[in-house]
Amino acid sequence: MSKGGKITALAAATLLLLGLSLGGCATSTAGSSPMDARAEAPARPKTGGYPAVEDVPPRRGPAMTTDEQSKLQKELAAARDRQVSKAKGRAPGPELVKP
């Protein structure tokens, strides 16, 4: 090949590669822009990162009635007294020293 033919072939190859690389940038969007695509997207619901403080469940009644509370206190006191009487009946063990 002559020197002129090499230059012509190199120029043609350069133009071909340049045309292909620029052709990739020109995509068809069918008459819409990226801004139109955003406008067509459904709107996201506005939710904050914090829970709604004003939406609290209604108050319930007390967990226990006063009769149930007094009965439970009596049962706990009786259980404590049984444990103290069992502990007194045992042989003395090593005493724990509080720091």
N, C-alpha and C. Protein backbone atom coordinates (compact mmCIF):
# COMPACT_ATOMS: atom_id res chain seq x y z
N MET A 1 0.83 -1.18 0.00
CA MET A 1 0.00 0.00 0.00
C MET A 1 0.87 1.24 0.00
N SER A 2 0.38 2.24 -0.62
CA SER A 2 1.15 3.47 -0.67
C SER A 2 0.87 4.30 0.57
N LYS A 3 1.68 5.31 0.72
CA LYS A 3 1.54 6.16 1.91
C LYS A 3 0.20 6.88 1.90
N GLY A 4 -0.28 7.30 0.76
CA GLY A 4 -1.57 7.99 0.65
C GLY A 4 -2.73 7.05 0.94
N GLY A 5 -2.58 5.77 0.56
CA GLY A 5 -3.64 4.79 0.81
C GLY A 5 -3.76 4.47 2.29
N LYS A 6 -2.60 4.45 2.98
CA LYS A 6 -2.62 4.19 4.43
C LYS A 6 -3.31 5.33 5.17
N ILE A 7 -3.02 6.54 4.73
CA ILE A 7 -3.63 7.70 5.40
C ILE A 7 -5.13 7.70 5.14
N THR A 8 -5.54 7.37 3.94
CA THR A 8 -6.96 7.34 3.61
C THR A 8 -7.67 6.24 4.42
N ALA A 9 -7.04 5.08 4.54
CA ALA A 9 -7.63 3.98 5.30
C ALA A 9 -7.71 4.34 6.78
N LEU A 10 -6.67 4.99 7.31
CA LEU A 10 -6.67 5.41 8.71
C LEU A 10 -7.74 6.46 8.97
N ALA A 11 -7.90 7.39 8.05
CA ALA A 11 -8.92 8.43 8.19
C ALA A 11 -10.32 7.81 8.12
N ALA A 12 -10.51 6.84 7.23
CA ALA A 12 -11.81 6.20 7.11
C ALA A 12 -12.14 5.40 8.36
N ALA A 13 -11.13 4.71 8.91
CA ALA A 13 -11.35 3.93 10.14
C ALA A 13 -11.66 4.87 11.30
N THR A 14 -10.97 6.00 11.36
CA THR A 14 -11.22 6.96 12.43
C THR A 14 -12.63 7.54 12.33
N LEU A 15 -13.05 7.87 11.15
CA LEU A 15 -14.39 8.41 10.96
C LEU A 15 -15.46 7.36 11.29
N LEU A 16 -15.19 6.10 10.94
CA LEU A 16 -16.14 5.04 11.23
C LEU A 16 -16.27 4.85 12.75
N LEU A 17 -15.15 4.80 13.47
CA LEU A 17 -15.20 4.63 14.92
C LEU A 17 -15.84 5.84 15.59
N LEU A 18 -15.53 7.03 15.09
CA LEU A 18 -16.12 8.24 15.66
C LEU A 18 -17.63 8.25 15.44
N GLY A 19 -18.06 7.84 14.26
CA GLY A 19 -19.49 7.78 13.96
C GLY A 19 -20.21 6.76 14.83
N LEU A 20 -19.59 5.61 15.05
CA LEU A 20 -20.21 4.59 15.90
C LEU A 20 -20.29 5.05 17.36
N SER A 21 -19.24 5.69 17.84
CA SER A 21 -19.25 6.11 19.24
C SER A 21 -20.26 7.22 19.47
N LEU A 22 -20.40 8.13 18.54
CA LEU A 22 -21.39 9.19 18.69
C LEU A 22 -22.80 8.68 18.44
N GLY A 23 -22.95 7.66 17.65
CA GLY A 23 -24.27 7.08 17.39
C GLY A 23 -24.87 6.47 18.64
N GLY A 24 -24.02 5.99 19.56
CA GLY A 24 -24.52 5.42 20.81
C GLY A 24 -25.11 6.48 21.72
N CYS A 25 -24.70 7.71 21.56
CA CYS A 25 -25.22 8.79 22.41
C CYS A 25 -26.57 9.29 21.94
N ALA A 26 -26.87 9.11 20.69
CA ALA A 26 -28.13 9.63 20.13
C ALA A 26 -29.17 8.51 20.12
N THR A 27 -29.80 8.29 21.25
CA THR A 27 -30.84 7.26 21.33
C THR A 27 -32.19 7.91 21.11
N SER A 28 -33.12 7.15 20.65
CA SER A 28 -34.45 7.66 20.38
C SER A 28 -35.30 7.55 21.63
N THR A 29 -35.90 8.64 22.04
CA THR A 29 -36.78 8.62 23.21
C THR A 29 -38.22 8.86 22.79
N ALA A 30 -38.50 8.81 21.51
CA ALA A 30 -39.86 8.94 20.96
C ALA A 30 -40.50 10.25 21.38
N GLY A 31 -39.77 11.33 21.33
CA GLY A 31 -40.34 12.63 21.59
C GLY A 31 -40.50 12.98 23.05
N SER A 32 -39.89 12.26 23.94
CA SER A 32 -39.99 12.61 25.35
C SER A 32 -38.60 12.87 25.90
N SER A 33 -38.56 13.56 26.99
CA SER A 33 -37.29 13.87 27.63
C SER A 33 -37.26 13.17 28.99
N PRO A 34 -36.11 13.13 29.63
CA PRO A 34 -36.06 12.52 30.97
C PRO A 34 -36.98 13.21 31.96
N MET A 35 -37.22 14.49 31.77
CA MET A 35 -38.12 15.21 32.68
C MET A 35 -39.56 14.73 32.50
N ASP A 36 -39.93 14.38 31.26
CA ASP A 36 -41.27 13.85 31.03
C ASP A 36 -41.45 12.50 31.70
N ALA A 37 -40.39 11.70 31.69
CA ALA A 37 -40.47 10.38 32.32
C ALA A 37 -40.70 10.52 33.82
N ARG A 38 -40.10 11.53 34.43
CA ARG A 38 -40.33 11.76 35.86
C ARG A 38 -41.76 12.20 36.12
N ALA A 39 -42.30 13.00 35.23
CA ALA A 39 -43.66 13.50 35.42
C ALA A 39 -44.68 12.37 35.29
N GLU A 40 -44.38 11.36 34.50
CA GLU A 40 -45.31 10.25 34.30
C GLU A 40 -45.23 9.22 35.41
N ALA A 41 -44.17 9.22 36.19
CA ALA A 41 -44.01 8.24 37.26
C ALA A 41 -45.02 8.54 38.37
N PRO A 42 -45.56 7.50 39.02
CA PRO A 42 -46.51 7.75 40.11
C PRO A 42 -45.79 8.41 41.28
N ALA A 43 -46.48 9.30 41.93
CA ALA A 43 -45.91 10.02 43.06
C ALA A 43 -45.77 9.08 44.26
N ARG A 44 -44.65 9.19 44.93
CA ARG A 44 -44.44 8.38 46.12
C ARG A 44 -45.23 8.97 47.29
N PRO A 45 -45.75 8.12 48.14
CA PRO A 45 -46.46 8.67 49.30
C PRO A 45 -45.47 9.37 50.21
N LYS A 46 -45.90 10.49 50.77
CA LYS A 46 -45.01 11.25 51.65
C LYS A 46 -45.06 10.64 53.04
N THR A 47 -44.01 9.95 53.38
CA THR A 47 -43.89 9.38 54.71
C THR A 47 -42.62 9.93 55.32
N GLY A 48 -42.72 10.37 56.52
CA GLY A 48 -41.57 10.91 57.22
C GLY A 48 -40.77 9.78 57.85
N GLY A 49 -39.62 10.11 58.31
CA GLY A 49 -38.79 9.12 58.97
C GLY A 49 -39.20 8.89 60.42
N TYR A 50 -40.13 9.69 60.91
CA TYR A 50 -40.54 9.59 62.30
C TYR A 50 -41.98 9.09 62.39
N PRO A 51 -42.31 8.35 63.43
CA PRO A 51 -43.70 7.89 63.58
C PRO A 51 -44.61 9.07 63.92
N ALA A 52 -45.87 8.92 63.59
CA ALA A 52 -46.84 9.97 63.88
C ALA A 52 -47.14 9.97 65.38
N VAL A 53 -46.77 11.03 66.04
CA VAL A 53 -46.93 11.10 67.49
C VAL A 53 -48.39 11.27 67.88
N GLU A 54 -49.15 11.96 67.04
CA GLU A 54 -50.53 12.23 67.40
C GLU A 54 -51.44 11.02 67.21
N ASP A 55 -50.98 9.99 66.52
CA ASP A 55 -51.79 8.79 66.30
C ASP A 55 -51.49 7.75 67.37
N VAL A 56 -52.09 7.91 68.52
CA VAL A 56 -51.89 6.97 69.61
C VAL A 56 -53.14 6.12 69.78
N PRO A 57 -52.98 4.88 70.21
CA PRO A 57 -54.17 4.05 70.41
C PRO A 57 -54.97 4.55 71.62
N PRO A 58 -56.25 4.26 71.67
CA PRO A 58 -57.06 4.71 72.81
C PRO A 58 -56.62 4.00 74.09
N ARG A 59 -56.80 4.69 75.19
CA ARG A 59 -56.40 4.11 76.49
C ARG A 59 -57.31 2.93 76.85
N ARG A 60 -56.66 1.93 77.43
CA ARG A 60 -57.42 0.78 77.90
C ARG A 60 -57.66 0.93 79.40
N GLY A 61 -58.47 0.07 79.92
CA GLY A 61 -58.75 0.09 81.35
C GLY A 61 -57.53 -0.42 82.12
N PRO A 62 -57.61 -0.39 83.45
CA PRO A 62 -56.47 -0.86 84.25
C PRO A 62 -56.24 -2.35 84.03
N ALA A 63 -54.99 -2.77 84.16
CA ALA A 63 -54.63 -4.16 83.93
C ALA A 63 -55.23 -5.06 85.01
N MET A 64 -55.27 -4.56 86.24
CA MET A 64 -55.82 -5.35 87.35
C MET A 64 -56.75 -4.47 88.18
N THR A 65 -57.75 -5.10 88.73
CA THR A 65 -58.62 -4.38 89.64
C THR A 65 -57.94 -4.30 91.00
N THR A 66 -58.48 -3.49 91.88
CA THR A 66 -57.87 -3.35 93.21
C THR A 66 -57.96 -4.66 93.99
N ASP A 67 -59.02 -5.43 93.78
CA ASP A 67 -59.15 -6.72 94.47
C ASP A 67 -58.06 -7.68 93.99
N GLU A 68 -57.83 -7.71 92.67
CA GLU A 68 -56.79 -8.59 92.13
C GLU A 68 -55.41 -8.17 92.62
N GLN A 69 -55.18 -6.87 92.73
CA GLN A 69 -53.88 -6.40 93.21
C GLN A 69 -53.65 -6.80 94.66
N SER A 70 -54.66 -6.64 95.49
CA SER A 70 -54.49 -6.99 96.91
C SER A 70 -54.31 -8.50 97.07
N LYS A 71 -55.02 -9.29 96.28
CA LYS A 71 -54.86 -10.75 96.34
C LYS A 71 -53.45 -11.15 95.94
N LEU A 72 -52.92 -10.53 94.89
CA LEU A 72 -51.57 -10.83 94.42
C LEU A 72 -50.53 -10.42 95.46
N GLN A 73 -50.73 -9.28 96.10
CA GLN A 73 -49.79 -8.85 97.13
C GLN A 73 -49.77 -9.83 98.30
N LYS A 74 -50.92 -10.33 98.67
CA LYS A 74 -50.99 -11.31 99.76
C LYS A 74 -50.28 -12.60 99.38
N GLU A 75 -50.46 -13.05 98.12
CA GLU A 75 -49.80 -14.27 97.66
C GLU A 75 -48.28 -14.10 97.63
N LEU A 76 -47.82 -12.95 97.19
CA LEU A 76 -46.38 -12.69 97.16
C LEU A 76 -45.79 -12.62 98.56
N ALA A 77 -46.52 -12.00 99.48
CA ALA A 77 -46.04 -11.94 100.87
C ALA A 77 -45.98 -13.34 101.47
N ALA A 78 -46.96 -14.18 101.19
CA ALA A 78 -46.96 -15.55 101.71
C ALA A 78 -45.81 -16.35 101.12
N ALA A 79 -45.52 -16.18 99.84
CA ALA A 79 -44.40 -16.88 99.21
C ALA A 79 -43.08 -16.41 99.82
N ARG A 80 -42.96 -15.12 100.09
CA ARG A 80 -41.74 -14.60 100.71
C ARG A 80 -41.56 -15.18 102.11
N ASP A 81 -42.64 -15.26 102.87
CA ASP A 81 -42.56 -15.80 104.23
C ASP A 81 -42.17 -17.27 104.21
N ARG A 82 -42.69 -18.04 103.22
CA ARG A 82 -42.31 -19.46 103.11
C ARG A 82 -40.83 -19.61 102.80
N GLN A 83 -40.30 -18.76 101.94
CA GLN A 83 -38.89 -18.84 101.58
C GLN A 83 -38.00 -18.45 102.76
N VAL A 84 -38.43 -17.49 103.56
CA VAL A 84 -37.64 -17.07 104.73
C VAL A 84 -37.63 -18.20 105.75
N SER A 85 -38.75 -18.86 105.95
CA SER A 85 -38.80 -19.96 106.93
C SER A 85 -37.95 -21.15 106.47
N LYS A 86 -37.91 -21.42 105.16
CA LYS A 86 -37.06 -22.49 104.64
C LYS A 86 -35.59 -22.14 104.81
N ALA A 87 -35.26 -20.90 104.59
CA ALA A 87 -33.86 -20.47 104.70
C ALA A 87 -33.39 -20.53 106.14
N LYS A 88 -34.26 -20.26 107.10
CA LYS A 88 -33.87 -20.33 108.51
C LYS A 88 -33.66 -21.77 108.95
N GLY A 89 -34.35 -22.72 108.34
CA GLY A 89 -34.24 -24.12 108.72
C GLY A 89 -32.98 -24.77 108.17
N ARG A 90 -32.31 -24.19 107.23
CA ARG A 90 -31.10 -24.76 106.64
C ARG A 90 -29.89 -24.51 107.52
N ALA A 91 -28.86 -25.29 107.23
CA ALA A 91 -27.59 -25.09 107.93
C ALA A 91 -26.96 -23.82 107.40
N PRO A 92 -26.28 -23.08 108.24
CA PRO A 92 -25.67 -21.84 107.77
C PRO A 92 -24.57 -22.13 106.75
N GLY A 93 -24.58 -21.38 105.69
CA GLY A 93 -23.59 -21.52 104.64
C GLY A 93 -22.66 -20.33 104.67
N PRO A 94 -21.80 -20.26 103.67
CA PRO A 94 -20.88 -19.12 103.63
C PRO A 94 -21.67 -17.82 103.38
N GLU A 95 -21.30 -16.81 104.13
CA GLU A 95 -22.00 -15.55 104.01
C GLU A 95 -21.43 -14.74 102.85
N LEU A 96 -22.30 -14.08 102.17
CA LEU A 96 -21.86 -13.23 101.07
C LEU A 96 -21.49 -11.86 101.63
N VAL A 97 -20.37 -11.37 101.19
CA VAL A 97 -19.92 -10.07 101.63
C VAL A 97 -20.17 -9.08 100.50
N LYS A 98 -20.88 -8.04 100.82
CA LYS A 98 -21.15 -7.02 99.81
C LYS A 98 -19.94 -6.10 99.70
N PRO A 99 -19.54 -5.77 98.51
CA PRO A 99 -18.37 -4.89 98.35
C PRO A 99 -18.67 -3.47 98.73
